[in-house]
Amino acid sequence: CRRVFDRDPGKARTALTAIEQSART
């Protein structure tokens, strides 16, 4: 997410969603 945050916000958002799910699990 840190690497693609500026170039591709959509992929960064997807990665953050995955991080949220993984954290809850």
mmCIF file of all heavy atoms, coordinates in Angstrom:
data_MODEL
# 
_entry.id   MODEL 
# 
loop_
_atom_site.group_PDB 
_atom_site.id 
_atom_site.type_symbol 
_atom_site.label_atom_id 
_atom_site.label_alt_id 
_atom_site.label_comp_id 
_atom_site.label_asym_id 
_atom_site.label_entity_id 
_atom_site.label_seq_id 
_atom_site.pdbx_PDB_ins_code 
_atom_site.Cartn_x 
_atom_site.Cartn_y 
_atom_site.Cartn_z 
_atom_site.occupancy 
_atom_site.B_iso_or_equiv 
_atom_site.pdbx_formal_charge 
_atom_site.auth_seq_id 
_atom_site.auth_comp_id 
_atom_site.auth_asym_id 
_atom_site.auth_atom_id 
_atom_site.pdbx_PDB_model_num 
ATOM 1   N N   . CYS A 1 1  ? 0.834   -1.207  0.000   1.00 0.00 ? 1  CYS A N   1 
ATOM 2   C CA  . CYS A 1 1  ? 0.000   0.000   0.000   1.00 0.00 ? 1  CYS A CA  1 
ATOM 3   C C   . CYS A 1 1  ? 0.864   1.251   0.000   1.00 0.00 ? 1  CYS A C   1 
ATOM 4   O O   . CYS A 1 1  ? 0.593   2.226   -0.707  1.00 0.00 ? 1  CYS A O   1 
ATOM 5   C CB  . CYS A 1 1  ? -0.932  -0.029  1.206   1.00 0.00 ? 1  CYS A CB  1 
ATOM 6   S SG  . CYS A 1 1  ? -1.988  1.430   1.357   1.00 0.00 ? 1  CYS A SG  1 
ATOM 7   N N   . ARG A 1 2  ? 1.918   1.221   0.780   1.00 0.00 ? 2  ARG A N   1 
ATOM 8   C CA  . ARG A 1 2  ? 2.815   2.385   0.838   1.00 0.00 ? 2  ARG A CA  1 
ATOM 9   C C   . ARG A 1 2  ? 3.467   2.645   -0.509  1.00 0.00 ? 2  ARG A C   1 
ATOM 10  O O   . ARG A 1 2  ? 3.629   3.792   -0.926  1.00 0.00 ? 2  ARG A O   1 
ATOM 11  C CB  . ARG A 1 2  ? 3.881   2.155   1.906   1.00 0.00 ? 2  ARG A CB  1 
ATOM 12  C CG  . ARG A 1 2  ? 4.917   3.268   2.025   1.00 0.00 ? 2  ARG A CG  1 
ATOM 13  C CD  . ARG A 1 2  ? 5.885   2.968   3.144   1.00 0.00 ? 2  ARG A CD  1 
ATOM 14  N NE  . ARG A 1 2  ? 6.556   1.689   2.960   1.00 0.00 ? 2  ARG A NE  1 
ATOM 15  C CZ  . ARG A 1 2  ? 7.604   1.506   2.147   1.00 0.00 ? 2  ARG A CZ  1 
ATOM 16  N NH1 . ARG A 1 2  ? 8.070   2.513   1.427   1.00 0.00 ? 2  ARG A NH1 1 
ATOM 17  N NH2 . ARG A 1 2  ? 8.170   0.321   2.059   1.00 0.00 ? 2  ARG A NH2 1 
ATOM 18  N N   . ARG A 1 3  ? 3.807   1.573   -1.228  1.00 0.00 ? 3  ARG A N   1 
ATOM 19  C CA  . ARG A 1 3  ? 4.484   1.726   -2.510  1.00 0.00 ? 3  ARG A CA  1 
ATOM 20  C C   . ARG A 1 3  ? 3.557   2.263   -3.603  1.00 0.00 ? 3  ARG A C   1 
ATOM 21  O O   . ARG A 1 3  ? 3.998   2.996   -4.491  1.00 0.00 ? 3  ARG A O   1 
ATOM 22  C CB  . ARG A 1 3  ? 5.080   0.390   -2.944  1.00 0.00 ? 3  ARG A CB  1 
ATOM 23  C CG  . ARG A 1 3  ? 6.225   -0.086  -2.052  1.00 0.00 ? 3  ARG A CG  1 
ATOM 24  C CD  . ARG A 1 3  ? 6.679   -1.482  -2.473  1.00 0.00 ? 3  ARG A CD  1 
ATOM 25  N NE  . ARG A 1 3  ? 7.711   -1.973  -1.565  1.00 0.00 ? 3  ARG A NE  1 
ATOM 26  C CZ  . ARG A 1 3  ? 9.026   -1.750  -1.745  1.00 0.00 ? 3  ARG A CZ  1 
ATOM 27  N NH1 . ARG A 1 3  ? 9.427   -1.040  -2.782  1.00 0.00 ? 3  ARG A NH1 1 
ATOM 28  N NH2 . ARG A 1 3  ? 9.901   -2.230  -0.882  1.00 0.00 ? 3  ARG A NH2 1 
ATOM 29  N N   . VAL A 1 4  ? 2.261   1.850   -3.572  1.00 0.00 ? 4  VAL A N   1 
ATOM 30  C CA  . VAL A 1 4  ? 1.363   2.256   -4.669  1.00 0.00 ? 4  VAL A CA  1 
ATOM 31  C C   . VAL A 1 4  ? 0.386   3.346   -4.232  1.00 0.00 ? 4  VAL A C   1 
ATOM 32  O O   . VAL A 1 4  ? -0.529  3.676   -4.982  1.00 0.00 ? 4  VAL A O   1 
ATOM 33  C CB  . VAL A 1 4  ? 0.583   1.023   -5.168  1.00 0.00 ? 4  VAL A CB  1 
ATOM 34  C CG1 . VAL A 1 4  ? 1.539   -0.049  -5.654  1.00 0.00 ? 4  VAL A CG1 1 
ATOM 35  C CG2 . VAL A 1 4  ? -0.340  0.468   -4.088  1.00 0.00 ? 4  VAL A CG2 1 
ATOM 36  N N   . PHE A 1 5  ? 0.562   3.869   -3.043  1.00 0.00 ? 5  PHE A N   1 
ATOM 37  C CA  . PHE A 1 5  ? -0.422  4.824   -2.512  1.00 0.00 ? 5  PHE A CA  1 
ATOM 38  C C   . PHE A 1 5  ? -0.571  6.047   -3.411  1.00 0.00 ? 5  PHE A C   1 
ATOM 39  O O   . PHE A 1 5  ? -1.680  6.506   -3.680  1.00 0.00 ? 5  PHE A O   1 
ATOM 40  C CB  . PHE A 1 5  ? 0.000   5.242   -1.098  1.00 0.00 ? 5  PHE A CB  1 
ATOM 41  C CG  . PHE A 1 5  ? -1.035  6.088   -0.406  1.00 0.00 ? 5  PHE A CG  1 
ATOM 42  C CD1 . PHE A 1 5  ? -2.141  5.501   0.194   1.00 0.00 ? 5  PHE A CD1 1 
ATOM 43  C CD2 . PHE A 1 5  ? -0.931  7.481   -0.385  1.00 0.00 ? 5  PHE A CD2 1 
ATOM 44  C CE1 . PHE A 1 5  ? -3.097  6.288   0.818   1.00 0.00 ? 5  PHE A CE1 1 
ATOM 45  C CE2 . PHE A 1 5  ? -1.898  8.246   0.240   1.00 0.00 ? 5  PHE A CE2 1 
ATOM 46  C CZ  . PHE A 1 5  ? -2.979  7.655   0.849   1.00 0.00 ? 5  PHE A CZ  1 
ATOM 47  N N   . ASP A 1 6  ? 0.573   6.583   -3.899  1.00 0.00 ? 6  ASP A N   1 
ATOM 48  C CA  . ASP A 1 6  ? 0.505   7.794   -4.725  1.00 0.00 ? 6  ASP A CA  1 
ATOM 49  C C   . ASP A 1 6  ? 0.174   7.469   -6.172  1.00 0.00 ? 6  ASP A C   1 
ATOM 50  O O   . ASP A 1 6  ? -0.527  8.235   -6.841  1.00 0.00 ? 6  ASP A O   1 
ATOM 51  C CB  . ASP A 1 6  ? 1.851   8.539   -4.667  1.00 0.00 ? 6  ASP A CB  1 
ATOM 52  C CG  . ASP A 1 6  ? 2.133   9.075   -3.264  1.00 0.00 ? 6  ASP A CG  1 
ATOM 53  O OD1 . ASP A 1 6  ? 1.162   9.436   -2.571  1.00 0.00 ? 6  ASP A OD1 1 
ATOM 54  O OD2 . ASP A 1 6  ? 3.320   9.107   -2.853  1.00 0.00 ? 6  ASP A OD2 1 
ATOM 55  N N   . ARG A 1 7  ? 0.640   6.313   -6.707  1.00 0.00 ? 7  ARG A N   1 
ATOM 56  C CA  . ARG A 1 7  ? 0.441   6.008   -8.114  1.00 0.00 ? 7  ARG A CA  1 
ATOM 57  C C   . ARG A 1 7  ? -0.935  5.415   -8.404  1.00 0.00 ? 7  ARG A C   1 
ATOM 58  O O   . ARG A 1 7  ? -1.513  5.680   -9.446  1.00 0.00 ? 7  ARG A O   1 
ATOM 59  C CB  . ARG A 1 7  ? 1.524   5.011   -8.592  1.00 0.00 ? 7  ARG A CB  1 
ATOM 60  C CG  . ARG A 1 7  ? 2.942   5.544   -8.437  1.00 0.00 ? 7  ARG A CG  1 
ATOM 61  C CD  . ARG A 1 7  ? 3.937   4.680   -9.234  1.00 0.00 ? 7  ARG A CD  1 
ATOM 62  N NE  . ARG A 1 7  ? 3.838   3.267   -8.896  1.00 0.00 ? 7  ARG A NE  1 
ATOM 63  C CZ  . ARG A 1 7  ? 4.536   2.704   -7.925  1.00 0.00 ? 7  ARG A CZ  1 
ATOM 64  N NH1 . ARG A 1 7  ? 5.357   3.424   -7.181  1.00 0.00 ? 7  ARG A NH1 1 
ATOM 65  N NH2 . ARG A 1 7  ? 4.404   1.410   -7.684  1.00 0.00 ? 7  ARG A NH2 1 
ATOM 66  N N   . ASP A 1 8  ? -1.451  4.580   -7.495  1.00 0.00 ? 8  ASP A N   1 
ATOM 67  C CA  . ASP A 1 8  ? -2.709  3.876   -7.773  1.00 0.00 ? 8  ASP A CA  1 
ATOM 68  C C   . ASP A 1 8  ? -3.550  3.833   -6.495  1.00 0.00 ? 8  ASP A C   1 
ATOM 69  O O   . ASP A 1 8  ? -3.519  2.861   -5.744  1.00 0.00 ? 8  ASP A O   1 
ATOM 70  C CB  . ASP A 1 8  ? -2.410  2.464   -8.272  1.00 0.00 ? 8  ASP A CB  1 
ATOM 71  C CG  . ASP A 1 8  ? -3.652  1.803   -8.876  1.00 0.00 ? 8  ASP A CG  1 
ATOM 72  O OD1 . ASP A 1 8  ? -4.770  2.282   -8.597  1.00 0.00 ? 8  ASP A OD1 1 
ATOM 73  O OD2 . ASP A 1 8  ? -3.498  0.803   -9.604  1.00 0.00 ? 8  ASP A OD2 1 
ATOM 74  N N   . PRO A 1 9  ? -4.335  4.894   -6.201  1.00 0.00 ? 9  PRO A N   1 
ATOM 75  C CA  . PRO A 1 9  ? -5.140  4.914   -4.960  1.00 0.00 ? 9  PRO A CA  1 
ATOM 76  C C   . PRO A 1 9  ? -6.132  3.743   -4.881  1.00 0.00 ? 9  PRO A C   1 
ATOM 77  O O   . PRO A 1 9  ? -6.455  3.263   -3.799  1.00 0.00 ? 9  PRO A O   1 
ATOM 78  C CB  . PRO A 1 9  ? -5.865  6.254   -5.040  1.00 0.00 ? 9  PRO A CB  1 
ATOM 79  C CG  . PRO A 1 9  ? -5.018  7.093   -5.949  1.00 0.00 ? 9  PRO A CG  1 
ATOM 80  C CD  . PRO A 1 9  ? -4.435  6.149   -6.959  1.00 0.00 ? 9  PRO A CD  1 
ATOM 81  N N   . GLY A 1 10 ? -6.616  3.241   -6.040  1.00 0.00 ? 10 GLY A N   1 
ATOM 82  C CA  . GLY A 1 10 ? -7.566  2.132   -6.002  1.00 0.00 ? 10 GLY A CA  1 
ATOM 83  C C   . GLY A 1 10 ? -6.939  0.873   -5.416  1.00 0.00 ? 10 GLY A C   1 
ATOM 84  O O   . GLY A 1 10 ? -7.528  0.191   -4.559  1.00 0.00 ? 10 GLY A O   1 
ATOM 85  N N   . LYS A 1 11 ? -5.747  0.538   -5.876  1.00 0.00 ? 11 LYS A N   1 
ATOM 86  C CA  . LYS A 1 11 ? -5.064  -0.641  -5.341  1.00 0.00 ? 11 LYS A CA  1 
ATOM 87  C C   . LYS A 1 11 ? -4.687  -0.438  -3.876  1.00 0.00 ? 11 LYS A C   1 
ATOM 88  O O   . LYS A 1 11 ? -4.739  -1.368  -3.067  1.00 0.00 ? 11 LYS A O   1 
ATOM 89  C CB  . LYS A 1 11 ? -3.819  -0.947  -6.162  1.00 0.00 ? 11 LYS A CB  1 
ATOM 90  C CG  . LYS A 1 11 ? -4.136  -1.475  -7.559  1.00 0.00 ? 11 LYS A CG  1 
ATOM 91  C CD  . LYS A 1 11 ? -2.858  -1.876  -8.279  1.00 0.00 ? 11 LYS A CD  1 
ATOM 92  C CE  . LYS A 1 11 ? -3.197  -2.468  -9.650  1.00 0.00 ? 11 LYS A CE  1 
ATOM 93  N NZ  . LYS A 1 11 ? -1.972  -2.877  -10.388 1.00 0.00 ? 11 LYS A NZ  1 
ATOM 94  N N   . ALA A 1 12 ? -4.333  0.815   -3.562  1.00 0.00 ? 12 ALA A N   1 
ATOM 95  C CA  . ALA A 1 12 ? -4.014  1.090   -2.154  1.00 0.00 ? 12 ALA A CA  1 
ATOM 96  C C   . ALA A 1 12 ? -5.237  0.896   -1.274  1.00 0.00 ? 12 ALA A C   1 
ATOM 97  O O   . ALA A 1 12 ? -5.162  0.347   -0.165  1.00 0.00 ? 12 ALA A O   1 
ATOM 98  C CB  . ALA A 1 12 ? -3.472  2.513   -2.006  1.00 0.00 ? 12 ALA A CB  1 
ATOM 99  N N   . ARG A 1 13 ? -6.391  1.329   -1.765  1.00 0.00 ? 13 ARG A N   1 
ATOM 100 C CA  . ARG A 1 13 ? -7.626  1.160   -0.996  1.00 0.00 ? 13 ARG A CA  1 
ATOM 101 C C   . ARG A 1 13 ? -7.944  -0.327  -0.818  1.00 0.00 ? 13 ARG A C   1 
ATOM 102 O O   . ARG A 1 13 ? -8.369  -0.773  0.244   1.00 0.00 ? 13 ARG A O   1 
ATOM 103 C CB  . ARG A 1 13 ? -8.777  1.875   -1.714  1.00 0.00 ? 13 ARG A CB  1 
ATOM 104 C CG  . ARG A 1 13 ? -10.075 1.885   -0.902  1.00 0.00 ? 13 ARG A CG  1 
ATOM 105 C CD  . ARG A 1 13 ? -11.180 2.631   -1.641  1.00 0.00 ? 13 ARG A CD  1 
ATOM 106 N NE  . ARG A 1 13 ? -10.804 4.021   -1.887  1.00 0.00 ? 13 ARG A NE  1 
ATOM 107 C CZ  . ARG A 1 13 ? -10.471 4.501   -3.080  1.00 0.00 ? 13 ARG A CZ  1 
ATOM 108 N NH1 . ARG A 1 13 ? -10.467 3.698   -4.138  1.00 0.00 ? 13 ARG A NH1 1 
ATOM 109 N NH2 . ARG A 1 13 ? -10.140 5.776   -3.226  1.00 0.00 ? 13 ARG A NH2 1 
ATOM 110 N N   . THR A 1 14 ? -7.737  -1.105  -1.881  1.00 0.00 ? 14 THR A N   1 
ATOM 111 C CA  . THR A 1 14 ? -7.962  -2.551  -1.780  1.00 0.00 ? 14 THR A CA  1 
ATOM 112 C C   . THR A 1 14 ? -7.032  -3.182  -0.750  1.00 0.00 ? 14 THR A C   1 
ATOM 113 O O   . THR A 1 14 ? -7.435  -4.052  0.046   1.00 0.00 ? 14 THR A O   1 
ATOM 114 C CB  . THR A 1 14 ? -7.752  -3.211  -3.142  1.00 0.00 ? 14 THR A CB  1 
ATOM 115 O OG1 . THR A 1 14 ? -8.652  -2.629  -4.088  1.00 0.00 ? 14 THR A OG1 1 
ATOM 116 C CG2 . THR A 1 14 ? -7.995  -4.720  -3.056  1.00 0.00 ? 14 THR A CG2 1 
ATOM 117 N N   . ALA A 1 15 ? -5.763  -2.757  -0.765  1.00 0.00 ? 15 ALA A N   1 
ATOM 118 C CA  . ALA A 1 15 ? -4.811  -3.294  0.203   1.00 0.00 ? 15 ALA A CA  1 
ATOM 119 C C   . ALA A 1 15 ? -5.196  -2.923  1.628   1.00 0.00 ? 15 ALA A C   1 
ATOM 120 O O   . ALA A 1 15 ? -5.089  -3.732  2.561   1.00 0.00 ? 15 ALA A O   1 
ATOM 121 C CB  . ALA A 1 15 ? -3.395  -2.786  -0.112  1.00 0.00 ? 15 ALA A CB  1 
ATOM 122 N N   . LEU A 1 16 ? -5.672  -1.701  1.846   1.00 0.00 ? 16 LEU A N   1 
ATOM 123 C CA  . LEU A 1 16 ? -6.091  -1.290  3.183   1.00 0.00 ? 16 LEU A CA  1 
ATOM 124 C C   . LEU A 1 16 ? -7.300  -2.105  3.658   1.00 0.00 ? 16 LEU A C   1 
ATOM 125 O O   . LEU A 1 16 ? -7.411  -2.457  4.843   1.00 0.00 ? 16 LEU A O   1 
ATOM 126 C CB  . LEU A 1 16 ? -6.433  0.205   3.188   1.00 0.00 ? 16 LEU A CB  1 
ATOM 127 C CG  . LEU A 1 16 ? -5.234  1.161   3.045   1.00 0.00 ? 16 LEU A CG  1 
ATOM 128 C CD1 . LEU A 1 16 ? -5.710  2.607   2.905   1.00 0.00 ? 16 LEU A CD1 1 
ATOM 129 C CD2 . LEU A 1 16 ? -4.313  1.031   4.251   1.00 0.00 ? 16 LEU A CD2 1 
ATOM 130 N N   . THR A 1 17 ? -8.224  -2.411  2.705   1.00 0.00 ? 17 THR A N   1 
ATOM 131 C CA  . THR A 1 17 ? -9.374  -3.246  3.071   1.00 0.00 ? 17 THR A CA  1 
ATOM 132 C C   . THR A 1 17 ? -8.910  -4.639  3.505   1.00 0.00 ? 17 THR A C   1 
ATOM 133 O O   . THR A 1 17 ? -9.410  -5.205  4.484   1.00 0.00 ? 17 THR A O   1 
ATOM 134 C CB  . THR A 1 17 ? -10.337 -3.369  1.885   1.00 0.00 ? 17 THR A CB  1 
ATOM 135 O OG1 . THR A 1 17 ? -10.785 -2.053  1.504   1.00 0.00 ? 17 THR A OG1 1 
ATOM 136 C CG2 . THR A 1 17 ? -11.538 -4.229  2.249   1.00 0.00 ? 17 THR A CG2 1 
ATOM 137 N N   . ALA A 1 18 ? -7.949  -5.175  2.760   1.00 0.00 ? 18 ALA A N   1 
ATOM 138 C CA  . ALA A 1 18 ? -7.414  -6.492  3.129   1.00 0.00 ? 18 ALA A CA  1 
ATOM 139 C C   . ALA A 1 18 ? -6.718  -6.450  4.479   1.00 0.00 ? 18 ALA A C   1 
ATOM 140 O O   . ALA A 1 18 ? -6.803  -7.392  5.280   1.00 0.00 ? 18 ALA A O   1 
ATOM 141 C CB  . ALA A 1 18 ? -6.454  -6.985  2.044   1.00 0.00 ? 18 ALA A CB  1 
ATOM 142 N N   . ILE A 1 19 ? -6.007  -5.335  4.738   1.00 0.00 ? 19 ILE A N   1 
ATOM 143 C CA  . ILE A 1 19 ? -5.353  -5.186  6.040   1.00 0.00 ? 19 ILE A CA  1 
ATOM 144 C C   . ILE A 1 19 ? -6.386  -5.165  7.156   1.00 0.00 ? 19 ILE A C   1 
ATOM 145 O O   . ILE A 1 19 ? -6.220  -5.794  8.214   1.00 0.00 ? 19 ILE A O   1 
ATOM 146 C CB  . ILE A 1 19 ? -4.497  -3.912  6.066   1.00 0.00 ? 19 ILE A CB  1 
ATOM 147 C CG1 . ILE A 1 19 ? -3.284  -4.065  5.133   1.00 0.00 ? 19 ILE A CG1 1 
ATOM 148 C CG2 . ILE A 1 19 ? -4.032  -3.589  7.486   1.00 0.00 ? 19 ILE A CG2 1 
ATOM 149 C CD1 . ILE A 1 19 ? -2.483  -2.798  4.984   1.00 0.00 ? 19 ILE A CD1 1 
ATOM 150 N N   . GLU A 1 20 ? -7.502  -4.446  6.930   1.00 0.00 ? 20 GLU A N   1 
ATOM 151 C CA  . GLU A 1 20 ? -8.559  -4.374  7.938   1.00 0.00 ? 20 GLU A CA  1 
ATOM 152 C C   . GLU A 1 20 ? -9.140  -5.760  8.228   1.00 0.00 ? 20 GLU A C   1 
ATOM 153 O O   . GLU A 1 20 ? -9.321  -6.157  9.388   1.00 0.00 ? 20 GLU A O   1 
ATOM 154 C CB  . GLU A 1 20 ? -9.653  -3.432  7.458   1.00 0.00 ? 20 GLU A CB  1 
ATOM 155 C CG  . GLU A 1 20 ? -10.818 -3.309  8.442   1.00 0.00 ? 20 GLU A CG  1 
ATOM 156 C CD  . GLU A 1 20 ? -11.935 -2.434  7.895   1.00 0.00 ? 20 GLU A CD  1 
ATOM 157 O OE1 . GLU A 1 20 ? -11.832 -1.994  6.728   1.00 0.00 ? 20 GLU A OE1 1 
ATOM 158 O OE2 . GLU A 1 20 ? -12.905 -2.200  8.632   1.00 0.00 ? 20 GLU A OE2 1 
ATOM 159 N N   . GLN A 1 21 ? -9.429  -6.526  7.167   1.00 0.00 ? 21 GLN A N   1 
ATOM 160 C CA  . GLN A 1 21 ? -9.976  -7.868  7.361   1.00 0.00 ? 21 GLN A CA  1 
ATOM 161 C C   . GLN A 1 21 ? -8.980  -8.785  8.065   1.00 0.00 ? 21 GLN A C   1 
ATOM 162 O O   . GLN A 1 21 ? -9.343  -9.547  8.972   1.00 0.00 ? 21 GLN A O   1 
ATOM 163 C CB  . GLN A 1 21 ? -10.377 -8.459  6.004   1.00 0.00 ? 21 GLN A CB  1 
ATOM 164 C CG  . GLN A 1 21 ? -11.544 -7.736  5.336   1.00 0.00 ? 21 GLN A CG  1 
ATOM 165 C CD  . GLN A 1 21 ? -11.868 -8.305  3.965   1.00 0.00 ? 21 GLN A CD  1 
ATOM 166 O OE1 . GLN A 1 21 ? -11.147 -9.163  3.465   1.00 0.00 ? 21 GLN A OE1 1 
ATOM 167 N NE2 . GLN A 1 21 ? -12.954 -7.817  3.365   1.00 0.00 ? 21 GLN A NE2 1 
ATOM 168 N N   . SER A 1 22 ? -7.720  -8.697  7.653   1.00 0.00 ? 22 SER A N   1 
ATOM 169 C CA  . SER A 1 22 ? -6.705  -9.540  8.293   1.00 0.00 ? 22 SER A CA  1 
ATOM 170 C C   . SER A 1 22 ? -6.538  -9.174  9.757   1.00 0.00 ? 22 SER A C   1 
ATOM 171 O O   . SER A 1 22 ? -6.345  -10.047 10.615  1.00 0.00 ? 22 SER A O   1 
ATOM 172 C CB  . SER A 1 22 ? -5.362  -9.397  7.560   1.00 0.00 ? 22 SER A CB  1 
ATOM 173 O OG  . SER A 1 22 ? -5.460  -9.883  6.246   1.00 0.00 ? 22 SER A OG  1 
ATOM 174 N N   . ALA A 1 23 ? -6.610  -7.889  10.082  1.00 0.00 ? 23 ALA A N   1 
ATOM 175 C CA  . ALA A 1 23 ? -6.469  -7.468  11.474  1.00 0.00 ? 23 ALA A CA  1 
ATOM 176 C C   . ALA A 1 23 ? -7.610  -8.010  12.325  1.00 0.00 ? 23 ALA A C   1 
ATOM 177 O O   . ALA A 1 23 ? -7.398  -8.495  13.441  1.00 0.00 ? 23 ALA A O   1 
ATOM 178 C CB  . ALA A 1 23 ? -6.412  -5.943  11.552  1.00 0.00 ? 23 ALA A CB  1 
ATOM 179 N N   . ARG A 1 24 ? -8.823  -7.932  11.801  1.00 0.00 ? 24 ARG A N   1 
ATOM 180 C CA  . ARG A 1 24 ? -9.969  -8.446  12.552  1.00 0.00 ? 24 ARG A CA  1 
ATOM 181 C C   . ARG A 1 24 ? -9.837  -9.969  12.760  1.00 0.00 ? 24 ARG A C   1 
ATOM 182 O O   . ARG A 1 24 ? -10.106 -10.480 13.856  1.00 0.00 ? 24 ARG A O   1 
ATOM 183 C CB  . ARG A 1 24 ? -11.257 -8.126  11.809  1.00 0.00 ? 24 ARG A CB  1 
ATOM 184 C CG  . ARG A 1 24 ? -11.612 -6.644  11.836  1.00 0.00 ? 24 ARG A CG  1 
ATOM 185 C CD  . ARG A 1 24 ? -12.849 -6.368  11.001  1.00 0.00 ? 24 ARG A CD  1 
ATOM 186 N NE  . ARG A 1 24 ? -13.216 -4.946  11.057  1.00 0.00 ? 24 ARG A NE  1 
ATOM 187 C CZ  . ARG A 1 24 ? -14.197 -4.415  10.344  1.00 0.00 ? 24 ARG A CZ  1 
ATOM 188 N NH1 . ARG A 1 24 ? -14.903 -5.184  9.512   1.00 0.00 ? 24 ARG A NH1 1 
ATOM 189 N NH2 . ARG A 1 24 ? -14.461 -3.131  10.436  1.00 0.00 ? 24 ARG A NH2 1 
ATOM 190 N N   . THR A 1 25 ? -9.448  -10.649 11.680  1.00 0.00 ? 25 THR A N   1 
ATOM 191 C CA  . THR A 1 25 ? -9.273  -12.097 11.817  1.00 0.00 ? 25 THR A CA  1 
ATOM 192 C C   . THR A 1 25 ? -8.181  -12.423 12.819  1.00 0.00 ? 25 THR A C   1 
ATOM 193 O O   . THR A 1 25 ? -8.317  -13.337 13.651  1.00 0.00 ? 25 THR A O   1 
ATOM 194 C CB  . THR A 1 25 ? -8.929  -12.714 10.456  1.00 0.00 ? 25 THR A CB  1 
ATOM 195 O OG1 . THR A 1 25 ? -9.966  -12.399 9.524   1.00 0.00 ? 25 THR A OG1 1 
ATOM 196 C CG2 . THR A 1 25 ? -8.784  -14.230 10.566  1.00 0.00 ? 25 THR A CG2 1 
# 
